[in-house]
Every structure is written in C-alpha cells, then in structure tokens.
C-alpha cells in the first residue's frame, strides 16, 4: 500500500488564506492606512479584526465584517489589557 504525504495545508484553507490576504489589502486602501480604532497609521504591527466572530457565524472574508486594527486596539477589542 502506497502512502501519500499529508498536505501541510488543505486546498480549501489555501484558497481562504488568499481571499483573506486580498481583503486585508483592500481594507488597507479603504481605511487609508489608518487603524479603525484609534486612527493612528498602521505599521508592520496590524491585525485583521473580525467584528462578528467565526464561532458566531461571522465570515472572515466579508468586507463588512472585518477591519484593520493596530495591535493595541486589537488586544483591547479582545479584552486584553495593554500598556501603551
């Protein structure tokens, strides 16, 4: 019996990651490179925040469900205390 190598990432997940990357680029242009939370310029430390979580039926590739936040605002959105 010939064994096949297990794929490190499924084809379905690979397509989703490409869509999410395209959405991130689109949001960056839409938000003019600014954080949706505090309005500061987004640098290398930015995160795509899903307003309605996937576990609650949110779509990670929906433009109306996502926004780009700086790391500090993203941590605050998830209830993590941070020092700025």
PDB file of N, CA and C in Angstrom:
ATOM      1  N   UNK A   1       0.841  -1.178   0.000  1.00  0.00           N
ATOM      2  CA  UNK A   1       0.000   0.000   0.000  1.00  0.00           C
ATOM      3  C   UNK A   1       0.890   1.245   0.000  1.00  0.00           C
ATOM      4  N   UNK A   2       0.672   2.094  -0.971  1.00  0.00           N
ATOM      5  CA  UNK A   2       1.469   3.311  -1.091  1.00  0.00           C
ATOM      6  C   UNK A   2       0.865   4.411  -0.210  1.00  0.00           C
ATOM      7  N   UNK A   3       1.715   5.043   0.548  1.00  0.00           N
ATOM      8  CA  UNK A   3       1.241   6.121   1.418  1.00  0.00           C
ATOM      9  C   UNK A   3       1.527   7.464   0.776  1.00  0.00           C
ATOM     10  N   UNK A   4       0.554   8.326   0.864  1.00  0.00           N
ATOM     11  CA  UNK A   4       0.747   9.673   0.323  1.00  0.00           C
ATOM     12  C   UNK A   4       1.130  10.619   1.457  1.00  0.00           C
ATOM     13  N   UNK A   5       1.849  11.627   1.096  1.00  0.00           N
ATOM     14  CA  UNK A   5       2.286  12.610   2.075  1.00  0.00           C
ATOM     15  C   UNK A   5       1.095  13.465   2.498  1.00  0.00           C
ATOM     16  N   UNK A   6       0.976  13.730   3.776  1.00  0.00           N
ATOM     17  CA  UNK A   6      -0.107  14.576   4.276  1.00  0.00           C
ATOM     18  C   UNK A   6       0.212  16.026   3.914  1.00  0.00           C
ATOM     19  N   UNK A   7      -0.770  16.700   3.357  1.00  0.00           N
ATOM     20  CA  UNK A   7      -0.588  18.095   2.977  1.00  0.00           C
ATOM     21  C   UNK A   7      -0.486  18.946   4.238  1.00  0.00           C
ATOM     22  N   UNK A   8       0.452  19.884   4.292  1.00  0.00           N
ATOM     23  CA  UNK A   8       0.566  20.741   5.465  1.00  0.00           C
ATOM     24  C   UNK A   8      -0.615  21.715   5.578  1.00  0.00           C
ATOM     25  N   UNK A   9      -1.271  21.997   4.442  1.00  0.00           N
ATOM     26  CA  UNK A   9      -2.423  22.887   4.441  1.00  0.00           C
ATOM     27  C   UNK A   9      -3.381  22.402   3.355  1.00  0.00           C
ATOM     28  N   UNK A  10      -4.665  22.396   3.675  1.00  0.00           N
ATOM     29  CA  UNK A  10      -5.636  21.892   2.703  1.00  0.00           C
ATOM     30  C   UNK A  10      -5.849  22.909   1.580  1.00  0.00           C
ATOM     31  N   UNK A  11      -6.360  22.418   0.472  1.00  0.00           N
ATOM     32  CA  UNK A  11      -6.630  23.303  -0.662  1.00  0.00           C
ATOM     33  C   UNK A  11      -7.688  24.345  -0.301  1.00  0.00           C
ATOM     34  N   UNK A  12      -8.697  23.931   0.469  1.00  0.00           N
ATOM     35  CA  UNK A  12      -9.759  24.848   0.899  1.00  0.00           C
ATOM     36  C   UNK A  12      -9.182  25.973   1.754  1.00  0.00           C
ATOM     37  N   UNK A  13      -8.307  25.627   2.693  1.00  0.00           N
ATOM     38  CA  UNK A  13      -7.691  26.628   3.570  1.00  0.00           C
ATOM     39  C   UNK A  13      -6.764  27.549   2.777  1.00  0.00           C
ATOM     40  N   UNK A  14      -6.069  27.008   1.803  1.00  0.00           N
ATOM     41  CA  UNK A  14      -5.167  27.799   0.968  1.00  0.00           C
ATOM     42  C   UNK A  14      -5.953  28.876   0.202  1.00  0.00           C
ATOM     43  N   UNK A  15      -7.115  28.511  -0.340  1.00  0.00           N
ATOM     44  CA  UNK A  15      -7.968  29.471  -1.053  1.00  0.00           C
ATOM     45  C   UNK A  15      -8.460  30.550  -0.093  1.00  0.00           C
ATOM     46  N   UNK A  16      -8.856  30.138   1.129  1.00  0.00           N
ATOM     47  CA  UNK A  16      -9.335  31.101   2.115  1.00  0.00           C
ATOM     48  C   UNK A  16      -8.233  32.083   2.501  1.00  0.00           C
ATOM     49  N   UNK A  17      -7.015  31.604   2.676  1.00  0.00           N
ATOM     50  CA  UNK A  17      -5.906  32.486   3.033  1.00  0.00           C
ATOM     51  C   UNK A  17      -5.625  33.514   1.945  1.00  0.00           C
ATOM     52  N   UNK A  18      -5.750  33.111   0.680  1.00  0.00           N
ATOM     53  CA  UNK A  18      -5.556  34.046  -0.432  1.00  0.00           C
ATOM     54  C   UNK A  18      -6.639  35.119  -0.398  1.00  0.00           C
ATOM     55  N   UNK A  19      -7.910  34.705  -0.159  1.00  0.00           N
ATOM     56  CA  UNK A  19      -9.011  35.667  -0.084  1.00  0.00           C
ATOM     57  C   UNK A  19      -8.816  36.639   1.077  1.00  0.00           C
ATOM     58  N   UNK A  20      -8.355  36.133   2.226  1.00  0.00           N
ATOM     59  CA  UNK A  20      -8.132  36.992   3.389  1.00  0.00           C
ATOM     60  C   UNK A  20      -7.007  37.984   3.131  1.00  0.00           C
ATOM     61  N   UNK A  21      -5.970  37.557   2.424  1.00  0.00           N
ATOM     62  CA  UNK A  21      -4.862  38.443   2.102  1.00  0.00           C
ATOM     63  C   UNK A  21      -5.326  39.554   1.165  1.00  0.00           C
ATOM     64  N   UNK A  22      -6.143  39.210   0.176  1.00  0.00           N
ATOM     65  CA  UNK A  22      -6.695  40.211  -0.737  1.00  0.00           C
ATOM     66  C   UNK A  22      -7.601  41.181   0.008  1.00  0.00           C
ATOM     67  N   UNK A  23      -8.399  40.659   0.957  1.00  0.00           N
ATOM     68  CA  UNK A  23      -9.274  41.510   1.758  1.00  0.00           C
ATOM     69  C   UNK A  23      -8.466  42.474   2.610  1.00  0.00           C
ATOM     70  N   UNK A  24      -7.376  42.004   3.190  1.00  0.00           N
ATOM     71  CA  UNK A  24      -6.519  42.866   4.006  1.00  0.00           C
ATOM     72  C   UNK A  24      -5.966  44.016   3.174  1.00  0.00           C
ATOM     73  N   UNK A  25      -5.542  43.722   1.953  1.00  0.00           N
ATOM     74  CA  UNK A  25      -5.035  44.779   1.064  1.00  0.00           C
ATOM     75  C   UNK A  25      -6.143  45.770   0.716  1.00  0.00           C
ATOM     76  N   UNK A  26      -7.348  45.262   0.481  1.00  0.00           N
ATOM     77  CA  UNK A  26      -8.487  46.119   0.152  1.00  0.00           C
ATOM     78  C   UNK A  26      -8.852  47.017   1.346  1.00  0.00           C
ATOM     79  N   UNK A  27      -8.830  46.446   2.556  1.00  0.00           N
ATOM     80  CA  UNK A  27      -9.148  47.216   3.762  1.00  0.00           C
ATOM     81  C   UNK A  27      -8.093  48.283   4.032  1.00  0.00           C
ATOM     82  N   UNK A  28      -6.853  47.982   3.732  1.00  0.00           N
ATOM     83  CA  UNK A  28      -5.777  48.945   3.927  1.00  0.00           C
ATOM     84  C   UNK A  28      -6.011  50.187   3.070  1.00  0.00           C
ATOM     85  N   UNK A  29      -6.455  49.987   1.843  1.00  0.00           N
ATOM     86  CA  UNK A  29      -6.757  51.112   0.951  1.00  0.00           C
ATOM     87  C   UNK A  29      -8.014  51.836   1.432  1.00  0.00           C
ATOM     88  N   UNK A  30      -9.044  51.065   1.809  1.00  0.00           N
ATOM     89  CA  UNK A  30     -10.312  51.648   2.252  1.00  0.00           C
ATOM     90  C   UNK A  30     -10.134  52.516   3.502  1.00  0.00           C
ATOM     91  N   UNK A  31      -9.303  52.047   4.434  1.00  0.00           N
ATOM     92  CA  UNK A  31      -9.073  52.766   5.684  1.00  0.00           C
ATOM     93  C   UNK A  31      -7.935  53.782   5.566  1.00  0.00           C
ATOM     94  N   UNK A  32      -7.382  53.932   4.381  1.00  0.00           N
ATOM     95  CA  UNK A  32      -6.306  54.881   4.101  1.00  0.00           C
ATOM     96  C   UNK A  32      -5.085  54.657   4.983  1.00  0.00           C
ATOM     97  N   UNK A  33      -4.834  53.392   5.330  1.00  0.00           N
ATOM     98  CA  UNK A  33      -3.660  53.040   6.112  1.00  0.00           C
ATOM     99  C   UNK A  33      -3.747  53.401   7.582  1.00  0.00           C
ATOM    100  N   UNK A  34      -4.963  53.682   8.070  1.00  0.00           N
ATOM    101  CA  UNK A  34      -5.148  54.077   9.459  1.00  0.00           C
ATOM    102  C   UNK A  34      -5.894  52.998  10.238  1.00  0.00           C
ATOM    103  N   UNK A  35      -5.614  52.931  11.527  1.00  0.00           N
ATOM    104  CA  UNK A  35      -6.284  51.997  12.423  1.00  0.00           C
ATOM    105  C   UNK A  35      -7.750  52.405  12.556  1.00  0.00           C
ATOM    106  N   UNK A  36      -8.662  51.453  12.492  1.00  0.00           N
ATOM    107  CA  UNK A  36     -10.089  51.736  12.622  1.00  0.00           C
ATOM    108  C   UNK A  36     -10.452  52.099  14.060  1.00  0.00           C
ATOM    109  N   UNK A  37      -9.610  51.741  15.019  1.00  0.00           N
ATOM    110  CA  UNK A  37      -9.891  52.025  16.416  1.00  0.00           C
ATOM    111  C   UNK A  37      -9.407  53.380  16.883  1.00  0.00           C
ATOM    112  N   UNK A  38      -8.125  53.659  16.687  1.00  0.00           N
ATOM    113  CA  UNK A  38      -7.534  54.884  17.227  1.00  0.00           C
ATOM    114  C   UNK A  38      -7.178  55.908  16.162  1.00  0.00           C
ATOM    115  N   UNK A  39      -7.151  55.503  14.900  1.00  0.00           N
ATOM    116  CA  UNK A  39      -6.863  56.442  13.824  1.00  0.00           C
ATOM    117  C   UNK A  39      -5.389  56.669  13.551  1.00  0.00           C
ATOM    118  N   UNK A  40      -4.518  55.966  14.268  1.00  0.00           N
ATOM    119  CA  UNK A  40      -3.080  56.090  14.011  1.00  0.00           C
ATOM    120  C   UNK A  40      -2.686  55.302  12.776  1.00  0.00           C
ATOM    121  N   UNK A  41      -1.589  55.680  12.136  1.00  0.00           N
ATOM    122  CA  UNK A  41      -1.143  54.923  10.955  1.00  0.00           C
ATOM    123  C   UNK A  41      -0.804  53.471  11.316  1.00  0.00           C
ATOM    124  N   UNK A  42      -1.208  52.571  10.438  1.00  0.00           N
ATOM    125  CA  UNK A  42      -0.903  51.159  10.645  1.00  0.00           C
ATOM    126  C   UNK A  42       0.515  50.894  10.171  1.00  0.00           C
ATOM    127  N   UNK A  43       1.306  50.248  10.991  1.00  0.00           N
ATOM    128  CA  UNK A  43       2.664  49.883  10.615  1.00  0.00           C
ATOM    129  C   UNK A  43       2.716  48.396  10.344  1.00  0.00           C
ATOM    130  N   UNK A  44       3.841  47.810  10.663  1.00  0.00           N
ATOM    131  CA  UNK A  44       4.005  46.378  10.479  1.00  0.00           C
ATOM    132  C   UNK A  44       3.143  45.603  11.469  1.00  0.00           C
ATOM    133  N   UNK A  45       2.782  46.234  12.586  1.00  0.00           N
ATOM    134  CA  UNK A  45       2.017  45.558  13.626  1.00  0.00           C
ATOM    135  C   UNK A  45       0.530  45.884  13.485  1.00  0.00           C
ATOM    136  N   UNK A  46      -0.108  45.247  12.526  1.00  0.00           N
ATOM    137  CA  UNK A  46      -1.541  45.430  12.351  1.00  0.00           C
ATOM    138  C   UNK A  46      -2.201  44.060  12.286  1.00  0.00           C
ATOM    139  N   UNK A  47      -3.504  44.034  12.568  1.00  0.00           N
ATOM    140  CA  UNK A  47      -4.224  42.769  12.582  1.00  0.00           C
ATOM    141  C   UNK A  47      -5.602  42.959  11.974  1.00  0.00           C
ATOM    142  N   UNK A  48      -6.056  41.952  11.236  1.00  0.00           N
ATOM    143  CA  UNK A  48      -7.405  41.970  10.682  1.00  0.00           C
ATOM    144  C   UNK A  48      -8.339  41.489  11.778  1.00  0.00           C
ATOM    145  N   UNK A  49      -9.248  42.357  12.195  1.00  0.00           N
ATOM    146  CA  UNK A  49     -10.182  42.025  13.273  1.00  0.00           C
ATOM    147  C   UNK A  49     -11.535  41.688  12.679  1.00  0.00           C
ATOM    148  N   UNK A  50     -12.087  40.573  13.103  1.00  0.00           N
ATOM    149  CA  UNK A  50     -13.415  40.171  12.665  1.00  0.00           C
ATOM    150  C   UNK A  50     -14.417  40.635  13.710  1.00  0.00           C
ATOM    151  N   UNK A  51     -15.332  41.494  13.310  1.00  0.00           N
ATOM    152  CA  UNK A  51     -16.301  42.075  14.228  1.00  0.00           C
ATOM    153  C   UNK A  51     -17.213  40.987  14.792  1.00  0.00           C
ATOM    154  N   UNK A  52     -17.780  40.183  13.921  1.00  0.00           N
ATOM    155  CA  UNK A  52     -18.589  39.043  14.347  1.00  0.00           C
ATOM    156  C   UNK A  52     -17.717  37.800  14.213  1.00  0.00           C
ATOM    157  N   UNK A  53     -17.439  37.143  15.332  1.00  0.00           N
ATOM    158  CA  UNK A  53     -16.533  36.006  15.354  1.00  0.00           C
ATOM    159  C   UNK A  53     -17.021  34.859  14.469  1.00  0.00           C
ATOM    160  N   UNK A  54     -16.095  34.043  13.999  1.00  0.00           N
ATOM    161  CA  UNK A  54     -16.427  32.884  13.171  1.00  0.00           C
ATOM    162  C   UNK A  54     -17.324  31.922  13.936  1.00  0.00           C
ATOM    163  N   UNK A  55     -17.090  31.800  15.237  1.00  0.00           N
ATOM    164  CA  UNK A  55     -17.888  30.891  16.058  1.00  0.00           C
ATOM    165  C   UNK A  55     -19.332  31.364  16.185  1.00  0.00           C
ATOM    166  N   UNK A  56     -19.560  32.644  15.917  1.00  0.00           N
ATOM    167  CA  UNK A  56     -20.914  33.212  15.971  1.00  0.00           C
ATOM    168  C   UNK A  56     -21.516  33.373  14.578  1.00  0.00           C
ATOM    169  N   UNK A  57     -20.866  32.796  13.571  1.00  0.00           N
ATOM    170  CA  UNK A  57     -21.393  32.842  12.214  1.00  0.00           C
ATOM    171  C   UNK A  57     -20.801  33.933  11.348  1.00  0.00           C
ATOM    172  N   UNK A  58     -19.743  34.578  11.808  1.00  0.00           N
ATOM    173  CA  UNK A  58     -19.098  35.626  11.023  1.00  0.00           C
ATOM    174  C   UNK A  58     -18.262  35.056   9.892  1.00  0.00           C
ATOM    175  N   UNK A  59     -18.128  35.829   8.839  1.00  0.00           N
ATOM    176  CA  UNK A  59     -17.362  35.398   7.671  1.00  0.00           C
ATOM    177  C   UNK A  59     -16.022  36.132   7.658  1.00  0.00           C
ATOM    178  N   UNK A  60     -14.899  35.407   7.656  1.00  0.00           N
ATOM    179  CA  UNK A  60     -13.590  36.062   7.682  1.00  0.00           C
ATOM    180  C   UNK A  60     -13.212  36.727   6.366  1.00  0.00           C
ATOM    181  N   UNK A  61     -13.994  36.510   5.324  1.00  0.00           N
ATOM    182  CA  UNK A  61     -13.693  37.132   4.035  1.00  0.00           C
ATOM    183  C   UNK A  61     -14.728  38.187   3.650  1.00  0.00           C
ATOM    184  N   UNK A  62     -15.603  38.560   4.582  1.00  0.00           N
ATOM    185  CA  UNK A  62     -16.611  39.579   4.330  1.00  0.00           C
ATOM    186  C   UNK A  62     -16.052  40.954   4.685  1.00  0.00           C
ATOM    187  N   UNK A  63     -16.072  41.860   3.730  1.00  0.00           N
ATOM    188  CA  UNK A  63     -15.512  43.199   3.933  1.00  0.00           C
ATOM    189  C   UNK A  63     -16.256  43.972   5.022  1.00  0.00           C
ATOM    190  N   UNK A  64     -17.560  43.728   5.178  1.00  0.00           N
ATOM    191  CA  UNK A  64     -18.351  44.431   6.186  1.00  0.00           C
ATOM    192  C   UNK A  64     -18.147  43.869   7.591  1.00  0.00           C
ATOM    193  N   UNK A  65     -17.545  42.697   7.703  1.00  0.00           N
ATOM    194  CA  UNK A  65     -17.319  42.059   8.992  1.00  0.00           C
ATOM    195  C   UNK A  65     -15.894  42.250   9.493  1.00  0.00           C
ATOM    196  N   UNK A  66     -15.020  42.832   8.700  1.00  0.00           N
ATOM    197  CA  UNK A  66     -13.613  42.938   9.079  1.00  0.00           C
ATOM    198  C   UNK A  66     -13.142  44.379   9.076  1.00  0.00           C
ATOM    199  N   UNK A  67     -12.141  44.633   9.909  1.00  0.00           N
ATOM    200  CA  UNK A  67     -11.483  45.932   9.938  1.00  0.00           C
ATOM    201  C   UNK A  67     -10.034  45.716  10.355  1.00  0.00           C
ATOM    202  N   UNK A  68      -9.179  46.645   9.966  1.00  0.00           N
ATOM    203  CA  UNK A  68      -7.778  46.563  10.352  1.00  0.00           C
ATOM    204  C   UNK A  68      -7.557  47.415  11.597  1.00  0.00           C
ATOM    205  N   UNK A  69      -6.914  46.813  12.574  1.00  0.00           N
ATOM    206  CA  UNK A  69      -6.606  47.495  13.830  1.00  0.00           C
ATOM    207  C   UNK A  69      -5.123  47.378  14.113  1.00  0.00           C
ATOM    208  N   UNK A  70      -4.602  48.370  14.845  1.00  0.00           N
ATOM    209  CA  UNK A  70      -3.227  48.225  15.328  1.00  0.00           C
ATOM    210  C   UNK A  70      -3.252  47.153  16.420  1.00  0.00           C
ATOM    211  N   UNK A  71      -2.109  46.664  16.782  1.00  0.00           N
ATOM    212  CA  UNK A  71      -2.035  45.568  17.746  1.00  0.00           C
ATOM    213  C   UNK A  71      -2.667  45.959  19.076  1.00  0.00           C
ATOM    214  N   UNK A  72      -2.458  47.190  19.513  1.00  0.00           N
ATOM    215  CA  UNK A  72      -3.000  47.638  20.795  1.00  0.00           C
ATOM    216  C   UNK A  72      -4.530  47.651  20.776  1.00  0.00           C
ATOM    217  N   UNK A  73      -5.109  48.201  19.717  1.00  0.00           N
ATOM    218  CA  UNK A  73      -6.570  48.235  19.607  1.00  0.00           C
ATOM    219  C   UNK A  73      -7.140  46.828  19.448  1.00  0.00           C
ATOM    220  N   UNK A  74      -6.422  45.956  18.751  1.00  0.00           N
ATOM    221  CA  UNK A  74      -6.888  44.590  18.568  1.00  0.00           C
ATOM    222  C   UNK A  74      -6.898  43.847  19.895  1.00  0.00           C
ATOM    223  N   UNK A  75      -5.879  44.064  20.699  1.00  0.00           N
ATOM    224  CA  UNK A  75      -5.834  43.424  22.012  1.00  0.00           C
ATOM    225  C   UNK A  75      -6.944  43.968  22.911  1.00  0.00           C
ATOM    226  N   UNK A  76      -7.179  45.274  22.845  1.00  0.00           N
ATOM    227  CA  UNK A  76      -8.276  45.876  23.619  1.00  0.00           C
ATOM    228  C   UNK A  76      -9.622  45.316  23.181  1.00  0.00           C
ATOM    229  N   UNK A  77      -9.806  45.116  21.893  1.00  0.00           N
ATOM    230  CA  UNK A  77     -11.066  44.585  21.367  1.00  0.00           C
ATOM    231  C   UNK A  77     -11.351  43.187  21.906  1.00  0.00           C
ATOM    232  N   UNK A  78     -10.291  42.452  22.228  1.00  0.00           N
ATOM    233  CA  UNK A  78     -10.453  41.105  22.768  1.00  0.00           C
ATOM    234  C   UNK A  78     -10.336  41.073  24.290  1.00  0.00           C
ATOM    235  N   UNK A  79     -10.307  42.247  24.920  1.00  0.00           N
ATOM    236  CA  UNK A  79     -10.309  42.322  26.375  1.00  0.00           C
ATOM    237  C   UNK A  79      -8.985  42.061  27.041  1.00  0.00           C
ATOM    238  N   UNK A  80      -7.894  42.245  26.318  1.00  0.00           N
ATOM    239  CA  UNK A  80      -6.561  42.036  26.876  1.00  0.00           C
ATOM    240  C   UNK A  80      -6.008  43.396  27.291  1.00  0.00           C
ATOM    241  N   UNK A  81      -5.588  43.522  28.515  1.00  0.00           N
ATOM    242  CA  UNK A  81      -5.060  44.810  28.996  1.00  0.00           C
ATOM    243  C   UNK A  81      -3.652  45.016  28.435  1.00  0.00           C
ATOM    244  N   UNK A  82      -3.418  46.248  27.969  1.00  0.00           N
ATOM    245  CA  UNK A  82      -2.115  46.582  27.424  1.00  0.00           C
ATOM    246  C   UNK A  82      -1.659  47.918  27.958  1.00  0.00           C
ATOM    247  N   UNK A  83      -0.357  48.079  28.057  1.00  0.00           N
ATOM    248  CA  UNK A  83       0.232  49.374  28.399  1.00  0.00           C
ATOM    249  C   UNK A  83       0.737  49.993  27.123  1.00  0.00           C
ATOM    250  N   UNK A  84       0.359  51.230  26.871  1.00  0.00           N
ATOM    251  CA  UNK A  84       0.821  51.902  25.656  1.00  0.00           C
ATOM    252  C   UNK A  84       1.981  52.800  25.941  1.00  0.00           C
TER     253      UNK A  84
END
